[in-house]
Amino acid sequence: MTAEMVAPAWMHQQLAAEQYDSLSEEQSRGIEILKIRGDDTLRSRSMHLTFRKFCDTGYYPILEATVGRPYALYVHGYNDTAGAVRAVEPMTTGLRWRRLREPVTVIGTPEAKGQEACWELGATTAASLMPV
C-alpha cells in the first residue's frame, strides 16, 4: 500500500510558515494549521478528530518511508502484558516494520532476570542500527 492509496497527494504537502504567510486568502482557504501537543489530546473532547488530523499530516506521509524499519518491544505490567503486546502487533504489521526479536514482558516488580532481558533487547536493537 502506498501513501497515495491512503490519502491524496495534496494532503502530504507541507508548507513552511513563510510560504503559508505569503499565500493569498483564496490560496490559503481550506488549509488548517495543525499543532498537536500531548496534553492537547488529553483535553480534547473530540480526540478522534485530533487523531485523524495527526494521521493525515504526520502518519500517512511516513508510511512508505519507514517500511522495513526494525523495532523492539518491552512491556511492563502489574498483572498482565498480553493485551498490550497484542495491541502493538497490528500497528507494526500495518507499518511493515521488522520485529527484531520476541517482545520482552515483565510482570510485577522488575527483577534481575527482567532487567537482563531488557539489557539484551537494548543491545540487540542498538546492534541492528549499526552501519554494516
N, C-alpha and C. Protein backbone atom coordinates (compact mmCIF):
# COMPACT_ATOMS: atom_id res chain seq x y z
N MET A 1 0.85 -1.17 0.00
CA MET A 1 0.00 0.00 0.00
C MET A 1 0.89 1.24 0.00
N THR A 2 0.62 2.14 -0.89
CA THR A 2 1.40 3.37 -0.92
C THR A 2 0.66 4.46 -0.17
N ALA A 3 1.39 5.51 0.19
CA ALA A 3 0.77 6.64 0.87
C ALA A 3 -0.31 7.24 -0.02
N GLU A 4 -0.14 7.23 -1.33
CA GLU A 4 -1.11 7.79 -2.25
C GLU A 4 -2.43 7.03 -2.18
N MET A 5 -2.38 5.72 -1.90
CA MET A 5 -3.59 4.92 -1.80
C MET A 5 -4.37 5.28 -0.54
N VAL A 6 -3.68 5.74 0.48
CA VAL A 6 -4.31 6.06 1.74
C VAL A 6 -4.91 7.45 1.73
N ALA A 7 -4.23 8.41 1.16
CA ALA A 7 -4.69 9.79 1.11
C ALA A 7 -4.16 10.44 -0.16
N PRO A 8 -4.91 11.38 -0.71
CA PRO A 8 -4.44 12.04 -1.94
C PRO A 8 -3.13 12.78 -1.73
N ALA A 9 -2.38 12.95 -2.81
CA ALA A 9 -1.05 13.56 -2.72
C ALA A 9 -1.07 14.95 -2.12
N TRP A 10 -2.11 15.74 -2.42
CA TRP A 10 -2.13 17.11 -1.92
C TRP A 10 -2.15 17.16 -0.40
N MET A 11 -2.60 16.08 0.25
CA MET A 11 -2.64 16.06 1.72
C MET A 11 -1.25 15.92 2.31
N HIS A 12 -0.28 15.51 1.50
CA HIS A 12 1.06 15.28 2.00
C HIS A 12 1.97 16.49 1.87
N GLN A 13 1.49 17.53 1.24
CA GLN A 13 2.32 18.71 1.07
C GLN A 13 2.41 19.48 2.37
N GLN A 14 3.61 19.90 2.68
CA GLN A 14 3.82 20.70 3.88
C GLN A 14 4.34 22.06 3.46
N LEU A 15 3.88 23.07 4.16
CA LEU A 15 4.33 24.42 3.87
C LEU A 15 5.10 24.96 5.07
N ALA A 16 6.17 25.65 4.78
CA ALA A 16 6.87 26.36 5.84
C ALA A 16 6.02 27.57 6.22
N ALA A 17 6.24 28.09 7.42
CA ALA A 17 5.46 29.24 7.89
C ALA A 17 5.57 30.40 6.91
N GLU A 18 6.77 30.63 6.35
CA GLU A 18 6.96 31.74 5.41
C GLU A 18 6.12 31.53 4.16
N GLN A 19 6.07 30.29 3.68
CA GLN A 19 5.28 30.00 2.49
C GLN A 19 3.80 30.25 2.75
N TYR A 20 3.32 29.80 3.91
CA TYR A 20 1.91 29.99 4.25
C TYR A 20 1.59 31.47 4.36
N ASP A 21 2.47 32.23 4.99
CA ASP A 21 2.24 33.67 5.16
C ASP A 21 2.16 34.41 3.83
N SER A 22 2.82 33.87 2.81
CA SER A 22 2.84 34.55 1.51
C SER A 22 1.62 34.20 0.64
N LEU A 23 0.79 33.26 1.08
CA LEU A 23 -0.39 32.88 0.30
C LEU A 23 -1.48 33.94 0.41
N SER A 24 -2.24 34.09 -0.67
CA SER A 24 -3.40 34.99 -0.62
C SER A 24 -4.50 34.31 0.19
N GLU A 25 -5.52 35.06 0.53
CA GLU A 25 -6.63 34.50 1.31
C GLU A 25 -7.29 33.35 0.54
N GLU A 26 -7.42 33.52 -0.76
CA GLU A 26 -8.04 32.47 -1.58
C GLU A 26 -7.17 31.21 -1.60
N GLN A 27 -5.86 31.40 -1.73
CA GLN A 27 -4.95 30.26 -1.77
C GLN A 27 -4.90 29.51 -0.44
N SER A 28 -5.08 30.22 0.65
CA SER A 28 -4.97 29.57 1.96
C SER A 28 -6.30 29.03 2.46
N ARG A 29 -7.37 29.26 1.71
CA ARG A 29 -8.68 28.74 2.12
C ARG A 29 -8.64 27.22 2.19
N GLY A 30 -9.08 26.66 3.28
CA GLY A 30 -9.13 25.21 3.46
C GLY A 30 -7.87 24.61 4.06
N ILE A 31 -6.83 25.42 4.23
CA ILE A 31 -5.61 24.93 4.86
C ILE A 31 -5.72 25.13 6.37
N GLU A 32 -5.50 24.07 7.10
CA GLU A 32 -5.54 24.17 8.56
C GLU A 32 -4.12 24.12 9.11
N ILE A 33 -3.89 24.93 10.10
CA ILE A 33 -2.61 24.89 10.81
C ILE A 33 -2.78 23.88 11.93
N LEU A 34 -1.92 22.91 11.97
CA LEU A 34 -2.03 21.84 12.95
C LEU A 34 -0.82 21.83 13.87
N LYS A 35 -1.07 22.07 15.12
CA LYS A 35 -0.03 21.97 16.14
C LYS A 35 -0.62 21.11 17.25
N ILE A 36 -0.10 19.91 17.39
CA ILE A 36 -0.64 18.99 18.39
C ILE A 36 0.43 18.73 19.43
N ARG A 37 0.05 18.91 20.67
CA ARG A 37 0.90 18.55 21.80
C ARG A 37 0.19 17.43 22.54
N GLY A 38 0.94 16.66 23.30
CA GLY A 38 0.35 15.54 24.03
C GLY A 38 -0.81 15.96 24.91
N ASP A 39 -0.67 17.08 25.62
CA ASP A 39 -1.74 17.49 26.52
C ASP A 39 -2.98 17.96 25.76
N ASP A 40 -2.83 18.35 24.48
CA ASP A 40 -4.00 18.72 23.68
C ASP A 40 -4.91 17.52 23.50
N THR A 41 -4.33 16.37 23.24
CA THR A 41 -5.16 15.19 23.01
C THR A 41 -5.81 14.72 24.30
N LEU A 42 -5.17 14.96 25.43
CA LEU A 42 -5.77 14.57 26.70
C LEU A 42 -6.99 15.44 27.03
N ARG A 43 -6.94 16.71 26.64
CA ARG A 43 -8.02 17.64 26.94
C ARG A 43 -9.10 17.64 25.87
N SER A 44 -8.80 17.09 24.72
CA SER A 44 -9.70 17.20 23.58
C SER A 44 -10.99 16.42 23.79
N ARG A 45 -12.10 17.11 23.55
CA ARG A 45 -13.39 16.43 23.61
C ARG A 45 -13.63 15.65 22.32
N SER A 46 -12.94 16.04 21.30
CA SER A 46 -13.08 15.34 20.02
C SER A 46 -11.73 14.74 19.67
N MET A 47 -11.28 13.84 20.51
CA MET A 47 -9.95 13.26 20.34
C MET A 47 -9.82 12.56 19.00
N HIS A 48 -10.90 11.96 18.52
CA HIS A 48 -10.81 11.26 17.24
C HIS A 48 -10.48 12.22 16.10
N LEU A 49 -10.96 13.45 16.16
CA LEU A 49 -10.61 14.42 15.12
C LEU A 49 -9.15 14.83 15.22
N THR A 50 -8.66 14.99 16.45
CA THR A 50 -7.26 15.32 16.64
C THR A 50 -6.39 14.19 16.11
N PHE A 51 -6.78 12.96 16.41
CA PHE A 51 -6.02 11.80 15.93
C PHE A 51 -6.06 11.73 14.41
N ARG A 52 -7.22 12.00 13.85
CA ARG A 52 -7.33 11.96 12.38
C ARG A 52 -6.42 13.01 11.75
N LYS A 53 -6.40 14.21 12.33
CA LYS A 53 -5.52 15.26 11.80
C LYS A 53 -4.06 14.83 11.91
N PHE A 54 -3.73 14.20 13.03
CA PHE A 54 -2.36 13.70 13.19
C PHE A 54 -2.04 12.69 12.10
N CYS A 55 -2.95 11.76 11.86
CA CYS A 55 -2.71 10.73 10.84
C CYS A 55 -2.57 11.35 9.46
N ASP A 56 -3.44 12.29 9.14
CA ASP A 56 -3.40 12.91 7.82
C ASP A 56 -2.13 13.71 7.59
N THR A 57 -1.62 14.35 8.63
CA THR A 57 -0.47 15.24 8.42
C THR A 57 0.85 14.61 8.82
N GLY A 58 0.84 13.64 9.72
CA GLY A 58 2.10 13.08 10.19
C GLY A 58 2.29 11.61 9.90
N TYR A 59 1.25 10.84 10.09
CA TYR A 59 1.38 9.38 9.99
C TYR A 59 1.39 8.90 8.54
N TYR A 60 0.39 9.26 7.76
CA TYR A 60 0.29 8.75 6.40
C TYR A 60 1.51 9.09 5.54
N PRO A 61 2.03 10.31 5.65
CA PRO A 61 3.21 10.61 4.81
C PRO A 61 4.44 9.77 5.11
N ILE A 62 4.55 9.19 6.31
CA ILE A 62 5.75 8.42 6.63
C ILE A 62 5.58 6.93 6.40
N LEU A 63 4.41 6.50 5.99
CA LEU A 63 4.19 5.06 5.82
C LEU A 63 5.26 4.40 4.96
N GLU A 64 5.47 4.91 3.78
CA GLU A 64 6.45 4.30 2.88
C GLU A 64 7.87 4.52 3.37
N ALA A 65 8.12 5.64 4.00
CA ALA A 65 9.49 5.99 4.42
C ALA A 65 10.01 5.08 5.53
N THR A 66 9.11 4.44 6.28
CA THR A 66 9.57 3.63 7.41
C THR A 66 9.41 2.13 7.20
N VAL A 67 9.00 1.71 6.01
CA VAL A 67 8.82 0.28 5.74
C VAL A 67 10.13 -0.46 5.98
N GLY A 68 10.04 -1.57 6.70
CA GLY A 68 11.21 -2.40 6.95
C GLY A 68 12.06 -1.98 8.13
N ARG A 69 11.69 -0.90 8.79
CA ARG A 69 12.50 -0.46 9.94
C ARG A 69 12.38 -1.48 11.07
N PRO A 70 13.47 -1.65 11.81
CA PRO A 70 13.44 -2.59 12.93
C PRO A 70 12.75 -1.98 14.15
N TYR A 71 12.14 -2.83 14.94
CA TYR A 71 11.59 -2.37 16.21
C TYR A 71 11.73 -3.47 17.24
N ALA A 72 11.72 -3.05 18.48
CA ALA A 72 11.74 -3.98 19.60
C ALA A 72 10.71 -3.49 20.61
N LEU A 73 10.19 -4.40 21.40
CA LEU A 73 9.11 -4.05 22.32
C LEU A 73 9.40 -4.57 23.72
N TYR A 74 9.26 -3.66 24.68
CA TYR A 74 9.33 -4.00 26.10
C TYR A 74 8.02 -3.55 26.72
N VAL A 75 7.36 -4.44 27.45
CA VAL A 75 6.10 -4.11 28.11
C VAL A 75 6.18 -4.53 29.57
N HIS A 76 5.84 -3.59 30.45
CA HIS A 76 5.79 -3.88 31.88
C HIS A 76 4.35 -3.78 32.33
N GLY A 77 3.90 -4.76 33.06
CA GLY A 77 2.55 -4.73 33.61
C GLY A 77 2.54 -5.27 35.02
N TYR A 78 1.56 -4.87 35.76
CA TYR A 78 1.48 -5.36 37.14
C TYR A 78 0.72 -6.68 37.22
N ASN A 79 -0.20 -6.93 36.28
CA ASN A 79 -0.97 -8.17 36.29
C ASN A 79 -0.82 -8.97 35.00
N ASP A 80 -0.72 -8.25 33.87
CA ASP A 80 -0.74 -8.92 32.58
C ASP A 80 -0.11 -8.00 31.53
N THR A 81 0.46 -8.58 30.50
CA THR A 81 1.04 -7.79 29.40
C THR A 81 0.52 -8.24 28.03
N ALA A 82 -0.25 -9.31 28.00
CA ALA A 82 -0.67 -9.90 26.73
C ALA A 82 -1.47 -8.92 25.88
N GLY A 83 -2.37 -8.18 26.48
CA GLY A 83 -3.19 -7.23 25.72
C GLY A 83 -2.36 -6.12 25.10
N ALA A 84 -1.38 -5.64 25.82
CA ALA A 84 -0.52 -4.58 25.29
C ALA A 84 0.29 -5.09 24.11
N VAL A 85 0.82 -6.29 24.22
CA VAL A 85 1.60 -6.86 23.12
C VAL A 85 0.69 -7.08 21.91
N ARG A 86 -0.51 -7.61 22.15
CA ARG A 86 -1.46 -7.82 21.05
C ARG A 86 -1.84 -6.51 20.38
N ALA A 87 -1.92 -5.42 21.13
CA ALA A 87 -2.31 -4.13 20.57
C ALA A 87 -1.23 -3.55 19.66
N VAL A 88 0.02 -3.83 19.95
CA VAL A 88 1.13 -3.27 19.17
C VAL A 88 1.30 -4.02 17.85
N GLU A 89 1.07 -5.30 17.84
CA GLU A 89 1.37 -6.10 16.67
C GLU A 89 0.61 -5.70 15.40
N PRO A 90 -0.69 -5.41 15.45
CA PRO A 90 -1.35 -4.97 14.21
C PRO A 90 -0.81 -3.64 13.69
N MET A 91 -0.41 -2.76 14.60
CA MET A 91 0.14 -1.47 14.17
C MET A 91 1.47 -1.66 13.44
N THR A 92 2.34 -2.46 14.03
CA THR A 92 3.65 -2.66 13.41
C THR A 92 3.53 -3.49 12.13
N THR A 93 2.56 -4.36 12.07
CA THR A 93 2.31 -5.10 10.83
C THR A 93 1.85 -4.14 9.74
N GLY A 94 0.93 -3.24 10.08
CA GLY A 94 0.45 -2.25 9.12
C GLY A 94 1.56 -1.32 8.65
N LEU A 95 2.46 -0.99 9.53
CA LEU A 95 3.59 -0.14 9.17
C LEU A 95 4.67 -0.92 8.41
N ARG A 96 4.55 -2.25 8.44
CA ARG A 96 5.51 -3.15 7.81
C ARG A 96 6.91 -2.98 8.42
N TRP A 97 6.91 -2.87 9.74
CA TRP A 97 8.16 -2.82 10.47
C TRP A 97 8.63 -4.24 10.73
N ARG A 98 9.91 -4.41 10.97
CA ARG A 98 10.53 -5.71 11.17
C ARG A 98 10.84 -5.89 12.66
N ARG A 99 10.21 -6.90 13.26
CA ARG A 99 10.46 -7.17 14.68
C ARG A 99 11.81 -7.84 14.82
N LEU A 100 12.63 -7.30 15.69
CA LEU A 100 13.98 -7.84 15.89
C LEU A 100 13.99 -9.14 16.68
N ARG A 101 13.12 -9.23 17.65
CA ARG A 101 13.03 -10.43 18.48
C ARG A 101 11.71 -10.40 19.23
N GLU A 102 11.42 -11.48 19.91
CA GLU A 102 10.17 -11.55 20.66
C GLU A 102 10.12 -10.43 21.69
N PRO A 103 8.92 -9.90 21.97
CA PRO A 103 8.81 -8.84 22.97
C PRO A 103 9.30 -9.30 24.35
N VAL A 104 9.87 -8.39 25.08
CA VAL A 104 10.26 -8.65 26.46
C VAL A 104 9.12 -8.15 27.33
N THR A 105 8.58 -9.04 28.15
CA THR A 105 7.50 -8.66 29.04
C THR A 105 7.91 -8.93 30.47
N VAL A 106 7.58 -7.99 31.33
CA VAL A 106 7.88 -8.12 32.75
C VAL A 106 6.60 -7.85 33.51
N ILE A 107 6.23 -8.78 34.37
CA ILE A 107 5.04 -8.63 35.20
C ILE A 107 5.49 -8.46 36.65
N GLY A 108 4.91 -7.46 37.29
CA GLY A 108 5.27 -7.19 38.68
C GLY A 108 6.53 -6.37 38.77
N THR A 109 7.16 -6.42 39.92
CA THR A 109 8.39 -5.66 40.13
C THR A 109 9.52 -6.27 39.30
N PRO A 110 10.19 -5.44 38.48
CA PRO A 110 11.28 -5.98 37.66
C PRO A 110 12.40 -6.54 38.54
N GLU A 111 12.81 -7.74 38.23
CA GLU A 111 13.91 -8.37 38.97
C GLU A 111 15.09 -8.54 38.01
N ALA A 112 16.13 -9.19 38.48
CA ALA A 112 17.37 -9.33 37.70
C ALA A 112 17.11 -9.96 36.33
N LYS A 113 16.27 -11.00 36.28
CA LYS A 113 16.00 -11.68 35.01
C LYS A 113 15.35 -10.71 34.00
N GLY A 114 14.39 -9.94 34.46
CA GLY A 114 13.73 -8.96 33.59
C GLY A 114 14.67 -7.85 33.15
N GLN A 115 15.50 -7.40 34.08
CA GLN A 115 16.47 -6.36 33.74
C GLN A 115 17.48 -6.86 32.72
N GLU A 116 17.91 -8.08 32.87
CA GLU A 116 18.85 -8.68 31.91
C GLU A 116 18.19 -8.80 30.53
N ALA A 117 16.94 -9.22 30.50
CA ALA A 117 16.22 -9.34 29.23
C ALA A 117 16.09 -7.98 28.55
N CYS A 118 15.85 -6.93 29.34
CA CYS A 118 15.77 -5.57 28.78
C CYS A 118 17.12 -5.12 28.25
N TRP A 119 18.18 -5.44 28.97
CA TRP A 119 19.52 -5.07 28.51
C TRP A 119 19.81 -5.74 27.18
N GLU A 120 19.49 -7.03 27.07
CA GLU A 120 19.71 -7.77 25.82
C GLU A 120 18.87 -7.19 24.68
N LEU A 121 17.64 -6.81 25.00
CA LEU A 121 16.77 -6.21 23.99
C LEU A 121 17.38 -4.90 23.48
N GLY A 122 17.87 -4.07 24.40
CA GLY A 122 18.51 -2.82 24.01
C GLY A 122 19.78 -3.06 23.19
N ALA A 123 20.56 -4.04 23.59
CA ALA A 123 21.80 -4.35 22.87
C ALA A 123 21.49 -4.86 21.46
N THR A 124 20.50 -5.71 21.34
CA THR A 124 20.08 -6.22 20.03
C THR A 124 19.61 -5.08 19.14
N THR A 125 18.81 -4.19 19.71
CA THR A 125 18.29 -3.05 18.96
C THR A 125 19.43 -2.14 18.51
N ALA A 126 20.33 -1.83 19.43
CA ALA A 126 21.46 -0.96 19.07
C ALA A 126 22.32 -1.60 17.98
N ALA A 127 22.59 -2.89 18.10
CA ALA A 127 23.41 -3.57 17.10
C ALA A 127 22.75 -3.56 15.73
N SER A 128 21.42 -3.64 15.69
CA SER A 128 20.72 -3.65 14.41
C SER A 128 20.78 -2.29 13.72
N LEU A 129 21.04 -1.25 14.47
CA LEU A 129 21.08 0.10 13.90
C LEU A 129 22.48 0.51 13.45
N MET A 130 23.47 -0.32 13.76
CA MET A 130 24.85 -0.01 13.39
C MET A 130 25.03 -0.17 11.89
N PRO A 131 25.79 0.73 11.26
CA PRO A 131 26.05 0.55 9.82
C PRO A 131 26.86 -0.71 9.59
N VAL A 132 26.60 -1.34 8.48
CA VAL A 132 27.26 -2.60 8.15
C VAL A 132 28.63 -2.36 7.57
